[in-house]
Amino acid sequence: GASLWSDTFNVSANDLFATQDEIAQKVASGLRFQLNATEQAGIAKRYTSNPQAYDYFVKGMQYFGQRNLTRGSRSGLDPAITMFQRALELDPKYALAQAQLAYCYTWIALFNDPSNTSWWEHAKQALEKARSIDPNLAELHVVRYEQLWSRYEGFQIEAAVRELQEAQRLNPAVGHDALG
């Protein structure tokens, strides 16, 4: 509960991504984190250069966070899919949006509409498309973890756990909800 560091930021809102980069660098420096080259690159990585696509992605993530396990209910998922699709219309190379779209389809196939196998096909296609854009995206491995630990893939638990470990090796900030 104690404050470790604080600062005031006076930055321009003209370039959202440059502002994010500057704040991330100042926070890391202010907290005296010793970041290696890979971690520095991770802070600076931009998944899209289109602010509107990013906005749709953020909205999609918000909706995705509202999903539930009720069979037949796609509350949160349908609007998330729409938002990710809009992000991809604006930036077809937005691998993170493509991976989250694959996650939505996977979630529907596993939990909300398991009798409709077309969702599974959509999930596999979307994941492959994301992989073709950025094969080093940690979120790919989180989606693959969910897929492997399913009836569609024969409940390959060990392989699923390896995917989750790879996701966290690539980006320690992802996959924690899957560990729960």
N, C-alpha and C. Protein backbone atom coordinates (compact mmCIF):
# COMPACT_ATOMS: atom_id res chain seq x y z
N GLY A 1 0.78 -1.20 0.00
CA GLY A 1 0.00 0.00 0.00
C GLY A 1 0.82 1.26 0.00
N ALA A 2 2.15 1.14 0.03
CA ALA A 2 3.00 2.33 0.05
C ALA A 2 3.32 2.78 -1.37
N SER A 3 3.49 4.08 -1.54
CA SER A 3 3.87 4.63 -2.84
C SER A 3 5.37 4.44 -3.03
N LEU A 4 5.74 3.80 -4.13
CA LEU A 4 7.16 3.58 -4.43
C LEU A 4 7.76 4.73 -5.20
N TRP A 5 6.94 5.38 -5.99
CA TRP A 5 7.43 6.44 -6.85
C TRP A 5 6.25 7.16 -7.47
N SER A 6 6.38 8.42 -7.71
CA SER A 6 5.33 9.15 -8.42
C SER A 6 5.98 10.24 -9.25
N ASP A 7 5.26 10.70 -10.23
CA ASP A 7 5.75 11.75 -11.11
C ASP A 7 4.54 12.36 -11.80
N THR A 8 4.75 13.48 -12.41
CA THR A 8 3.73 14.14 -13.20
C THR A 8 4.18 14.09 -14.64
N PHE A 9 3.24 13.79 -15.52
CA PHE A 9 3.56 13.69 -16.94
C PHE A 9 2.89 14.83 -17.68
N ASN A 10 3.66 15.55 -18.43
CA ASN A 10 3.14 16.62 -19.27
C ASN A 10 3.51 16.26 -20.71
N VAL A 11 2.61 15.50 -21.34
CA VAL A 11 2.89 15.01 -22.68
C VAL A 11 1.75 15.37 -23.61
N SER A 12 2.05 15.38 -24.89
CA SER A 12 1.06 15.70 -25.91
C SER A 12 0.20 14.48 -26.20
N ALA A 13 -1.06 14.70 -26.44
CA ALA A 13 -1.96 13.60 -26.78
C ALA A 13 -2.05 13.42 -28.30
N ASN A 14 -1.22 14.13 -29.04
CA ASN A 14 -1.27 14.03 -30.50
C ASN A 14 -0.89 12.65 -31.00
N ASP A 15 0.09 12.04 -30.38
CA ASP A 15 0.54 10.71 -30.80
C ASP A 15 0.40 9.77 -29.61
N LEU A 16 -0.72 9.06 -29.58
CA LEU A 16 -1.04 8.17 -28.47
C LEU A 16 0.09 7.18 -28.21
N PHE A 17 0.65 6.61 -29.27
CA PHE A 17 1.66 5.57 -29.11
C PHE A 17 2.98 6.14 -28.58
N ALA A 18 3.37 7.31 -29.04
CA ALA A 18 4.59 7.94 -28.52
C ALA A 18 4.39 8.30 -27.05
N THR A 19 3.20 8.76 -26.70
CA THR A 19 2.90 9.09 -25.32
C THR A 19 2.98 7.84 -24.43
N GLN A 20 2.41 6.73 -24.89
CA GLN A 20 2.50 5.48 -24.13
C GLN A 20 3.96 5.07 -23.94
N ASP A 21 4.74 5.16 -25.01
CA ASP A 21 6.16 4.78 -24.93
C ASP A 21 6.90 5.63 -23.91
N GLU A 22 6.65 6.93 -23.97
CA GLU A 22 7.34 7.85 -23.06
C GLU A 22 6.96 7.58 -21.60
N ILE A 23 5.68 7.36 -21.35
CA ILE A 23 5.24 7.08 -19.98
C ILE A 23 5.80 5.75 -19.49
N ALA A 24 5.78 4.73 -20.33
CA ALA A 24 6.32 3.42 -19.94
C ALA A 24 7.80 3.52 -19.59
N GLN A 25 8.56 4.26 -20.39
CA GLN A 25 9.98 4.42 -20.13
C GLN A 25 10.21 5.19 -18.82
N LYS A 26 9.43 6.23 -18.59
CA LYS A 26 9.58 7.02 -17.36
C LYS A 26 9.21 6.21 -16.12
N VAL A 27 8.16 5.41 -16.22
CA VAL A 27 7.75 4.58 -15.09
C VAL A 27 8.83 3.55 -14.78
N ALA A 28 9.33 2.87 -15.80
CA ALA A 28 10.38 1.87 -15.59
C ALA A 28 11.62 2.52 -14.99
N SER A 29 11.98 3.68 -15.49
CA SER A 29 13.15 4.38 -14.96
C SER A 29 12.90 4.87 -13.53
N GLY A 30 11.72 5.45 -13.31
CA GLY A 30 11.39 5.97 -11.99
C GLY A 30 11.35 4.90 -10.91
N LEU A 31 10.93 3.69 -11.29
CA LEU A 31 10.89 2.59 -10.34
C LEU A 31 12.23 1.85 -10.27
N ARG A 32 13.18 2.34 -11.04
CA ARG A 32 14.55 1.79 -11.08
C ARG A 32 14.58 0.31 -11.50
N PHE A 33 13.69 -0.02 -12.46
CA PHE A 33 13.75 -1.37 -13.02
C PHE A 33 14.99 -1.48 -13.89
N GLN A 34 15.65 -2.59 -13.78
CA GLN A 34 16.79 -2.88 -14.65
C GLN A 34 16.27 -3.78 -15.76
N LEU A 35 15.97 -3.20 -16.91
CA LEU A 35 15.40 -3.94 -18.01
C LEU A 35 16.48 -4.38 -18.98
N ASN A 36 16.41 -5.66 -19.38
CA ASN A 36 17.35 -6.12 -20.40
C ASN A 36 16.84 -5.68 -21.77
N ALA A 37 17.59 -5.98 -22.81
CA ALA A 37 17.24 -5.52 -24.16
C ALA A 37 15.89 -6.06 -24.61
N THR A 38 15.59 -7.31 -24.28
CA THR A 38 14.31 -7.92 -24.65
C THR A 38 13.16 -7.20 -23.96
N GLU A 39 13.33 -6.90 -22.68
CA GLU A 39 12.28 -6.20 -21.93
C GLU A 39 12.10 -4.77 -22.45
N GLN A 40 13.21 -4.12 -22.79
CA GLN A 40 13.13 -2.77 -23.38
C GLN A 40 12.34 -2.81 -24.69
N ALA A 41 12.63 -3.83 -25.51
CA ALA A 41 11.93 -3.97 -26.78
C ALA A 41 10.44 -4.24 -26.54
N GLY A 42 10.14 -5.00 -25.51
CA GLY A 42 8.74 -5.30 -25.19
C GLY A 42 7.97 -4.06 -24.80
N ILE A 43 8.60 -3.16 -24.08
CA ILE A 43 7.95 -1.91 -23.70
C ILE A 43 7.66 -1.07 -24.94
N ALA A 44 8.58 -1.09 -25.88
CA ALA A 44 8.46 -0.23 -27.06
C ALA A 44 7.66 -0.87 -28.20
N LYS A 45 7.31 -2.16 -28.09
CA LYS A 45 6.64 -2.85 -29.18
C LYS A 45 5.25 -2.28 -29.43
N ARG A 46 5.00 -1.99 -30.68
CA ARG A 46 3.68 -1.52 -31.10
C ARG A 46 3.06 -2.59 -31.97
N TYR A 47 1.86 -2.98 -31.63
CA TYR A 47 1.17 -4.01 -32.38
C TYR A 47 0.43 -3.44 -33.58
N THR A 48 0.13 -2.15 -33.53
CA THR A 48 -0.49 -1.44 -34.64
C THR A 48 -0.03 0.00 -34.60
N SER A 49 -0.04 0.64 -35.73
CA SER A 49 0.26 2.07 -35.77
C SER A 49 -1.00 2.88 -36.04
N ASN A 50 -2.13 2.20 -36.05
CA ASN A 50 -3.41 2.84 -36.34
C ASN A 50 -4.16 3.07 -35.03
N PRO A 51 -4.28 4.33 -34.59
CA PRO A 51 -4.96 4.60 -33.32
C PRO A 51 -6.41 4.14 -33.28
N GLN A 52 -7.10 4.21 -34.41
CA GLN A 52 -8.49 3.78 -34.43
C GLN A 52 -8.59 2.25 -34.28
N ALA A 53 -7.67 1.53 -34.92
CA ALA A 53 -7.64 0.07 -34.77
C ALA A 53 -7.34 -0.28 -33.32
N TYR A 54 -6.42 0.44 -32.71
CA TYR A 54 -6.09 0.20 -31.30
C TYR A 54 -7.32 0.45 -30.41
N ASP A 55 -8.06 1.51 -30.73
CA ASP A 55 -9.26 1.82 -29.95
C ASP A 55 -10.27 0.68 -30.05
N TYR A 56 -10.48 0.15 -31.24
CA TYR A 56 -11.38 -1.00 -31.39
C TYR A 56 -10.86 -2.21 -30.63
N PHE A 57 -9.54 -2.41 -30.66
CA PHE A 57 -8.95 -3.53 -29.93
C PHE A 57 -9.23 -3.40 -28.42
N VAL A 58 -9.01 -2.23 -27.88
CA VAL A 58 -9.23 -2.01 -26.45
C VAL A 58 -10.70 -2.26 -26.09
N LYS A 59 -11.60 -1.79 -26.93
CA LYS A 59 -13.03 -2.03 -26.70
C LYS A 59 -13.32 -3.53 -26.77
N GLY A 60 -12.70 -4.21 -27.73
CA GLY A 60 -12.88 -5.66 -27.85
C GLY A 60 -12.42 -6.38 -26.60
N MET A 61 -11.29 -5.96 -26.05
CA MET A 61 -10.78 -6.58 -24.83
C MET A 61 -11.72 -6.34 -23.66
N GLN A 62 -12.31 -5.16 -23.62
CA GLN A 62 -13.26 -4.87 -22.55
C GLN A 62 -14.48 -5.80 -22.65
N TYR A 63 -15.00 -5.95 -23.84
CA TYR A 63 -16.14 -6.87 -24.02
C TYR A 63 -15.73 -8.31 -23.73
N PHE A 64 -14.55 -8.70 -24.19
CA PHE A 64 -14.08 -10.08 -23.97
C PHE A 64 -13.99 -10.37 -22.47
N GLY A 65 -13.60 -9.39 -21.70
CA GLY A 65 -13.53 -9.54 -20.25
C GLY A 65 -14.90 -9.77 -19.61
N GLN A 66 -15.96 -9.48 -20.33
CA GLN A 66 -17.32 -9.65 -19.81
C GLN A 66 -17.95 -10.98 -20.23
N ARG A 67 -17.17 -11.85 -20.87
CA ARG A 67 -17.72 -13.13 -21.34
C ARG A 67 -18.13 -14.00 -20.15
N ASN A 68 -18.96 -15.00 -20.43
CA ASN A 68 -19.35 -15.92 -19.36
C ASN A 68 -19.43 -17.34 -19.91
N LEU A 69 -19.60 -18.29 -19.02
CA LEU A 69 -19.60 -19.71 -19.37
C LEU A 69 -21.00 -20.26 -19.63
N THR A 70 -22.01 -19.45 -19.56
CA THR A 70 -23.36 -19.94 -19.74
C THR A 70 -23.54 -20.47 -21.16
N ARG A 71 -23.88 -21.74 -21.25
CA ARG A 71 -24.05 -22.36 -22.56
C ARG A 71 -25.09 -21.60 -23.36
N GLY A 72 -24.75 -21.28 -24.59
CA GLY A 72 -25.65 -20.55 -25.47
C GLY A 72 -25.53 -19.05 -25.35
N SER A 73 -24.98 -18.55 -24.27
CA SER A 73 -24.85 -17.11 -24.08
C SER A 73 -23.52 -16.64 -24.67
N ARG A 74 -23.61 -15.66 -25.52
CA ARG A 74 -22.39 -15.09 -26.07
C ARG A 74 -22.25 -13.64 -25.61
N SER A 75 -22.81 -13.37 -24.44
CA SER A 75 -22.73 -12.04 -23.86
C SER A 75 -21.27 -11.63 -23.76
N GLY A 76 -20.95 -10.51 -24.31
CA GLY A 76 -19.57 -10.02 -24.32
C GLY A 76 -18.79 -10.50 -25.52
N LEU A 77 -19.05 -11.71 -25.97
CA LEU A 77 -18.26 -12.27 -27.07
C LEU A 77 -18.65 -11.70 -28.43
N ASP A 78 -19.93 -11.57 -28.71
CA ASP A 78 -20.35 -11.03 -30.01
C ASP A 78 -19.84 -9.60 -30.22
N PRO A 79 -20.01 -8.72 -29.22
CA PRO A 79 -19.46 -7.38 -29.44
C PRO A 79 -17.93 -7.38 -29.48
N ALA A 80 -17.28 -8.28 -28.76
CA ALA A 80 -15.82 -8.37 -28.83
C ALA A 80 -15.38 -8.77 -30.23
N ILE A 81 -16.06 -9.75 -30.79
CA ILE A 81 -15.74 -10.18 -32.15
C ILE A 81 -15.89 -9.02 -33.12
N THR A 82 -16.97 -8.28 -32.99
CA THR A 82 -17.19 -7.12 -33.87
C THR A 82 -16.06 -6.12 -33.74
N MET A 83 -15.64 -5.83 -32.52
CA MET A 83 -14.57 -4.85 -32.30
C MET A 83 -13.24 -5.34 -32.89
N PHE A 84 -12.91 -6.61 -32.67
CA PHE A 84 -11.66 -7.15 -33.22
C PHE A 84 -11.70 -7.16 -34.75
N GLN A 85 -12.85 -7.48 -35.31
CA GLN A 85 -12.98 -7.46 -36.77
C GLN A 85 -12.81 -6.04 -37.32
N ARG A 86 -13.37 -5.06 -36.63
CA ARG A 86 -13.20 -3.66 -37.07
C ARG A 86 -11.74 -3.24 -36.99
N ALA A 87 -11.07 -3.66 -35.92
CA ALA A 87 -9.63 -3.35 -35.80
C ALA A 87 -8.86 -3.96 -36.97
N LEU A 88 -9.23 -5.17 -37.34
CA LEU A 88 -8.53 -5.85 -38.44
C LEU A 88 -8.88 -5.27 -39.80
N GLU A 89 -10.06 -4.70 -39.95
CA GLU A 89 -10.40 -4.01 -41.19
C GLU A 89 -9.49 -2.80 -41.37
N LEU A 90 -9.18 -2.13 -40.26
CA LEU A 90 -8.32 -0.94 -40.33
C LEU A 90 -6.84 -1.30 -40.42
N ASP A 91 -6.47 -2.43 -39.83
CA ASP A 91 -5.08 -2.88 -39.85
C ASP A 91 -5.05 -4.41 -39.96
N PRO A 92 -5.06 -4.92 -41.19
CA PRO A 92 -5.09 -6.38 -41.38
C PRO A 92 -3.87 -7.11 -40.82
N LYS A 93 -2.81 -6.40 -40.51
CA LYS A 93 -1.60 -7.01 -39.95
C LYS A 93 -1.54 -6.89 -38.43
N TYR A 94 -2.65 -6.61 -37.81
CA TYR A 94 -2.73 -6.43 -36.35
C TYR A 94 -2.84 -7.82 -35.71
N ALA A 95 -1.70 -8.45 -35.50
CA ALA A 95 -1.65 -9.84 -35.02
C ALA A 95 -2.34 -10.00 -33.66
N LEU A 96 -2.19 -9.04 -32.79
CA LEU A 96 -2.80 -9.14 -31.46
C LEU A 96 -4.33 -9.17 -31.56
N ALA A 97 -4.90 -8.35 -32.42
CA ALA A 97 -6.35 -8.37 -32.62
C ALA A 97 -6.78 -9.69 -33.25
N GLN A 98 -5.97 -10.20 -34.16
CA GLN A 98 -6.28 -11.48 -34.80
C GLN A 98 -6.23 -12.62 -33.78
N ALA A 99 -5.24 -12.59 -32.89
CA ALA A 99 -5.13 -13.62 -31.85
C ALA A 99 -6.32 -13.56 -30.90
N GLN A 100 -6.75 -12.36 -30.55
CA GLN A 100 -7.90 -12.23 -29.64
C GLN A 100 -9.19 -12.65 -30.33
N LEU A 101 -9.27 -12.44 -31.64
CA LEU A 101 -10.42 -12.94 -32.38
C LEU A 101 -10.43 -14.47 -32.33
N ALA A 102 -9.26 -15.07 -32.49
CA ALA A 102 -9.14 -16.54 -32.37
C ALA A 102 -9.56 -17.00 -30.97
N TYR A 103 -9.20 -16.22 -29.96
CA TYR A 103 -9.57 -16.56 -28.58
C TYR A 103 -11.09 -16.51 -28.42
N CYS A 104 -11.74 -15.50 -29.00
CA CYS A 104 -13.21 -15.43 -28.93
C CYS A 104 -13.85 -16.65 -29.56
N TYR A 105 -13.39 -17.01 -30.75
CA TYR A 105 -13.95 -18.17 -31.43
C TYR A 105 -13.68 -19.45 -30.64
N THR A 106 -12.49 -19.55 -30.07
CA THR A 106 -12.16 -20.73 -29.26
C THR A 106 -13.08 -20.80 -28.06
N TRP A 107 -13.30 -19.69 -27.39
CA TRP A 107 -14.16 -19.64 -26.21
C TRP A 107 -15.58 -20.10 -26.55
N ILE A 108 -16.11 -19.60 -27.67
CA ILE A 108 -17.46 -19.99 -28.08
C ILE A 108 -17.50 -21.49 -28.37
N ALA A 109 -16.49 -21.98 -29.08
CA ALA A 109 -16.45 -23.41 -29.44
C ALA A 109 -16.37 -24.30 -28.21
N LEU A 110 -15.64 -23.86 -27.21
CA LEU A 110 -15.44 -24.69 -26.02
C LEU A 110 -16.56 -24.57 -25.00
N PHE A 111 -17.07 -23.37 -24.82
CA PHE A 111 -17.95 -23.13 -23.69
C PHE A 111 -19.37 -22.70 -24.03
N ASN A 112 -19.55 -21.96 -25.10
CA ASN A 112 -20.86 -21.38 -25.34
C ASN A 112 -21.70 -22.10 -26.40
N ASP A 113 -21.04 -22.69 -27.39
CA ASP A 113 -21.78 -23.36 -28.46
C ASP A 113 -20.98 -24.57 -28.95
N PRO A 114 -20.69 -25.51 -28.04
CA PRO A 114 -19.80 -26.62 -28.39
C PRO A 114 -20.36 -27.57 -29.44
N SER A 115 -21.66 -27.54 -29.69
CA SER A 115 -22.23 -28.44 -30.69
C SER A 115 -22.04 -27.92 -32.12
N ASN A 116 -21.68 -26.65 -32.25
CA ASN A 116 -21.48 -26.04 -33.57
C ASN A 116 -19.99 -26.02 -33.88
N THR A 117 -19.52 -27.00 -34.64
CA THR A 117 -18.08 -27.15 -34.90
C THR A 117 -17.51 -26.06 -35.81
N SER A 118 -18.37 -25.26 -36.43
CA SER A 118 -17.84 -24.19 -37.28
C SER A 118 -17.05 -23.17 -36.47
N TRP A 119 -17.41 -23.00 -35.19
CA TRP A 119 -16.64 -22.08 -34.34
C TRP A 119 -15.21 -22.57 -34.18
N TRP A 120 -15.04 -23.87 -34.07
CA TRP A 120 -13.70 -24.44 -33.92
C TRP A 120 -12.87 -24.17 -35.18
N GLU A 121 -13.49 -24.31 -36.34
CA GLU A 121 -12.79 -24.04 -37.59
C GLU A 121 -12.40 -22.57 -37.69
N HIS A 122 -13.32 -21.69 -37.30
CA HIS A 122 -13.01 -20.25 -37.28
C HIS A 122 -11.83 -19.96 -36.35
N ALA A 123 -11.84 -20.62 -35.20
CA ALA A 123 -10.77 -20.41 -34.21
C ALA A 123 -9.42 -20.83 -34.77
N LYS A 124 -9.37 -22.00 -35.38
CA LYS A 124 -8.10 -22.49 -35.93
C LYS A 124 -7.60 -21.59 -37.06
N GLN A 125 -8.50 -21.15 -37.92
CA GLN A 125 -8.12 -20.28 -39.03
C GLN A 125 -7.61 -18.93 -38.52
N ALA A 126 -8.31 -18.36 -37.56
CA ALA A 126 -7.91 -17.06 -37.02
C ALA A 126 -6.56 -17.16 -36.32
N LEU A 127 -6.35 -18.26 -35.60
CA LEU A 127 -5.07 -18.44 -34.90
C LEU A 127 -3.93 -18.59 -35.91
N GLU A 128 -4.15 -19.34 -36.96
CA GLU A 128 -3.12 -19.52 -37.98
C GLU A 128 -2.80 -18.20 -38.67
N LYS A 129 -3.82 -17.40 -38.91
CA LYS A 129 -3.60 -16.10 -39.53
C LYS A 129 -2.77 -15.20 -38.61
N ALA A 130 -3.08 -15.22 -37.33
CA ALA A 130 -2.30 -14.43 -36.35
C ALA A 130 -0.86 -14.91 -36.33
N ARG A 131 -0.66 -16.22 -36.35
CA ARG A 131 0.69 -16.79 -36.33
C ARG A 131 1.48 -16.39 -37.57
N SER A 132 0.80 -16.30 -38.71
CA SER A 132 1.49 -15.91 -39.94
C SER A 132 1.93 -14.44 -39.90
N ILE A 133 1.23 -13.63 -39.12
CA ILE A 133 1.58 -12.22 -38.99
C ILE A 133 2.72 -12.04 -38.00
N ASP A 134 2.63 -12.69 -36.83
CA ASP A 134 3.64 -12.55 -35.78
C ASP A 134 3.77 -13.86 -35.01
N PRO A 135 4.70 -14.73 -35.44
CA PRO A 135 4.83 -16.04 -34.79
C PRO A 135 5.37 -15.98 -33.36
N ASN A 136 5.86 -14.82 -32.94
CA ASN A 136 6.41 -14.68 -31.59
C ASN A 136 5.47 -13.98 -30.62
N LEU A 137 4.22 -13.95 -30.95
CA LEU A 137 3.23 -13.30 -30.11
C LEU A 137 2.82 -14.25 -28.98
N ALA A 138 3.01 -13.81 -27.76
CA ALA A 138 2.72 -14.66 -26.59
C ALA A 138 1.25 -15.09 -26.55
N GLU A 139 0.36 -14.20 -26.95
CA GLU A 139 -1.07 -14.49 -26.88
C GLU A 139 -1.47 -15.67 -27.78
N LEU A 140 -0.69 -15.93 -28.82
CA LEU A 140 -0.94 -17.12 -29.66
C LEU A 140 -0.90 -18.38 -28.81
N HIS A 141 0.09 -18.43 -27.93
CA HIS A 141 0.29 -19.61 -27.10
C HIS A 141 -0.79 -19.76 -26.04
N VAL A 142 -1.34 -18.64 -25.59
CA VAL A 142 -2.45 -18.72 -24.63
C VAL A 142 -3.68 -19.32 -25.31
N VAL A 143 -3.95 -18.89 -26.53
CA VAL A 143 -5.08 -19.45 -27.27
C VAL A 143 -4.83 -20.93 -27.55
N ARG A 144 -3.62 -21.23 -27.96
CA ARG A 144 -3.29 -22.64 -28.26
C ARG A 144 -3.40 -23.50 -27.00
N TYR A 145 -3.03 -22.95 -25.86
CA TYR A 145 -3.21 -23.63 -24.57
C TYR A 145 -4.67 -24.03 -24.39
N GLU A 146 -5.58 -23.07 -24.59
CA GLU A 146 -7.01 -23.35 -24.44
C GLU A 146 -7.46 -24.43 -25.42
N GLN A 147 -6.94 -24.36 -26.64
CA GLN A 147 -7.33 -25.33 -27.65
C GLN A 147 -6.84 -26.73 -27.32
N LEU A 148 -5.59 -26.83 -26.90
CA LEU A 148 -5.03 -28.15 -26.59
C LEU A 148 -5.73 -28.80 -25.40
N TRP A 149 -6.16 -27.99 -24.45
CA TRP A 149 -6.82 -28.51 -23.25
C TRP A 149 -8.33 -28.57 -23.51
N SER A 150 -8.71 -29.21 -24.60
CA SER A 150 -10.12 -29.28 -24.97
C SER A 150 -10.44 -30.64 -25.57
N ARG A 151 -11.71 -30.90 -25.69
CA ARG A 151 -12.14 -32.16 -26.30
C ARG A 151 -11.75 -32.21 -27.77
N TYR A 152 -11.68 -31.04 -28.42
CA TYR A 152 -11.31 -31.00 -29.84
C TYR A 152 -9.89 -31.52 -30.07
N GLU A 153 -9.02 -31.29 -29.10
CA GLU A 153 -7.61 -31.68 -29.23
C GLU A 153 -7.26 -32.85 -28.31
N GLY A 154 -8.26 -33.48 -27.72
CA GLY A 154 -8.02 -34.67 -26.91
C GLY A 154 -7.43 -34.40 -25.54
N PHE A 155 -7.69 -33.23 -24.98
CA PHE A 155 -7.24 -32.86 -23.63
C PHE A 155 -5.74 -33.13 -23.44
N GLN A 156 -4.93 -32.54 -24.30
CA GLN A 156 -3.48 -32.69 -24.23
C GLN A 156 -2.92 -31.74 -23.17
N ILE A 157 -3.07 -32.14 -21.93
CA ILE A 157 -2.76 -31.26 -20.81
C ILE A 157 -1.29 -30.86 -20.77
N GLU A 158 -0.39 -31.81 -20.94
CA GLU A 158 1.04 -31.48 -20.88
C GLU A 158 1.43 -30.51 -21.99
N ALA A 159 0.96 -30.76 -23.20
CA ALA A 159 1.26 -29.87 -24.32
C ALA A 159 0.64 -28.49 -24.06
N ALA A 160 -0.55 -28.47 -23.48
CA ALA A 160 -1.21 -27.21 -23.17
C ALA A 160 -0.39 -26.40 -22.17
N VAL A 161 0.09 -27.06 -21.15
CA VAL A 161 0.90 -26.36 -20.14
C VAL A 161 2.19 -25.83 -20.76
N ARG A 162 2.79 -26.59 -21.67
CA ARG A 162 4.00 -26.10 -22.35
C ARG A 162 3.70 -24.83 -23.16
N GLU A 163 2.53 -24.80 -23.79
CA GLU A 163 2.13 -23.60 -24.54
C GLU A 163 2.00 -22.40 -23.60
N LEU A 164 1.41 -22.62 -22.45
CA LEU A 164 1.24 -21.54 -21.48
C LEU A 164 2.60 -21.08 -20.95
N GLN A 165 3.50 -22.00 -20.71
CA GLN A 165 4.85 -21.64 -20.26
C GLN A 165 5.57 -20.83 -21.33
N GLU A 166 5.40 -21.21 -22.60
CA GLU A 166 6.02 -20.46 -23.70
C GLU A 166 5.43 -19.06 -23.78
N ALA A 167 4.13 -18.96 -23.59
CA ALA A 167 3.49 -17.64 -23.60
C ALA A 167 4.11 -16.74 -22.53
N GLN A 168 4.30 -17.30 -21.35
CA GLN A 168 4.84 -16.49 -20.26
C GLN A 168 6.33 -16.23 -20.42
N ARG A 169 7.03 -17.10 -21.12
CA ARG A 169 8.44 -16.83 -21.44
C ARG A 169 8.53 -15.63 -22.39
N LEU A 170 7.64 -15.61 -23.37
CA LEU A 170 7.63 -14.52 -24.35
C LEU A 170 7.15 -13.21 -23.74
N ASN A 171 6.17 -13.31 -22.84
CA ASN A 171 5.61 -12.12 -22.20
C ASN A 171 5.06 -12.51 -20.83
N PRO A 172 5.81 -12.24 -19.77
CA PRO A 172 5.39 -12.65 -18.43
C PRO A 172 4.07 -12.03 -17.97
N ALA A 173 3.55 -11.08 -18.71
CA ALA A 173 2.31 -10.41 -18.31
C ALA A 173 1.06 -11.14 -18.82
N VAL A 174 1.20 -12.19 -19.63
CA VAL A 174 0.02 -12.86 -20.17
C VAL A 174 -0.16 -14.25 -19.58
N GLY A 175 -1.38 -14.74 -19.67
CA GLY A 175 -1.68 -16.12 -19.31
C GLY A 175 -1.96 -16.39 -17.86
N HIS A 176 -1.95 -15.39 -17.01
CA HIS A 176 -2.15 -15.63 -15.59
C HIS A 176 -3.55 -16.11 -15.26
N ASP A 177 -4.55 -15.64 -16.02
CA ASP A 177 -5.92 -16.10 -15.75
C ASP A 177 -6.07 -17.57 -16.08
N ALA A 178 -5.29 -18.09 -17.01
CA ALA A 178 -5.34 -19.51 -17.35
C ALA A 178 -4.74 -20.38 -16.23
N LEU A 179 -3.83 -19.81 -15.47
CA LEU A 179 -3.21 -20.55 -14.38
C LEU A 179 -4.17 -20.72 -13.21
N GLY A 180 -5.15 -19.82 -13.09
CA GLY A 180 -6.08 -19.82 -11.97
C GLY A 180 -6.90 -21.04 -11.95
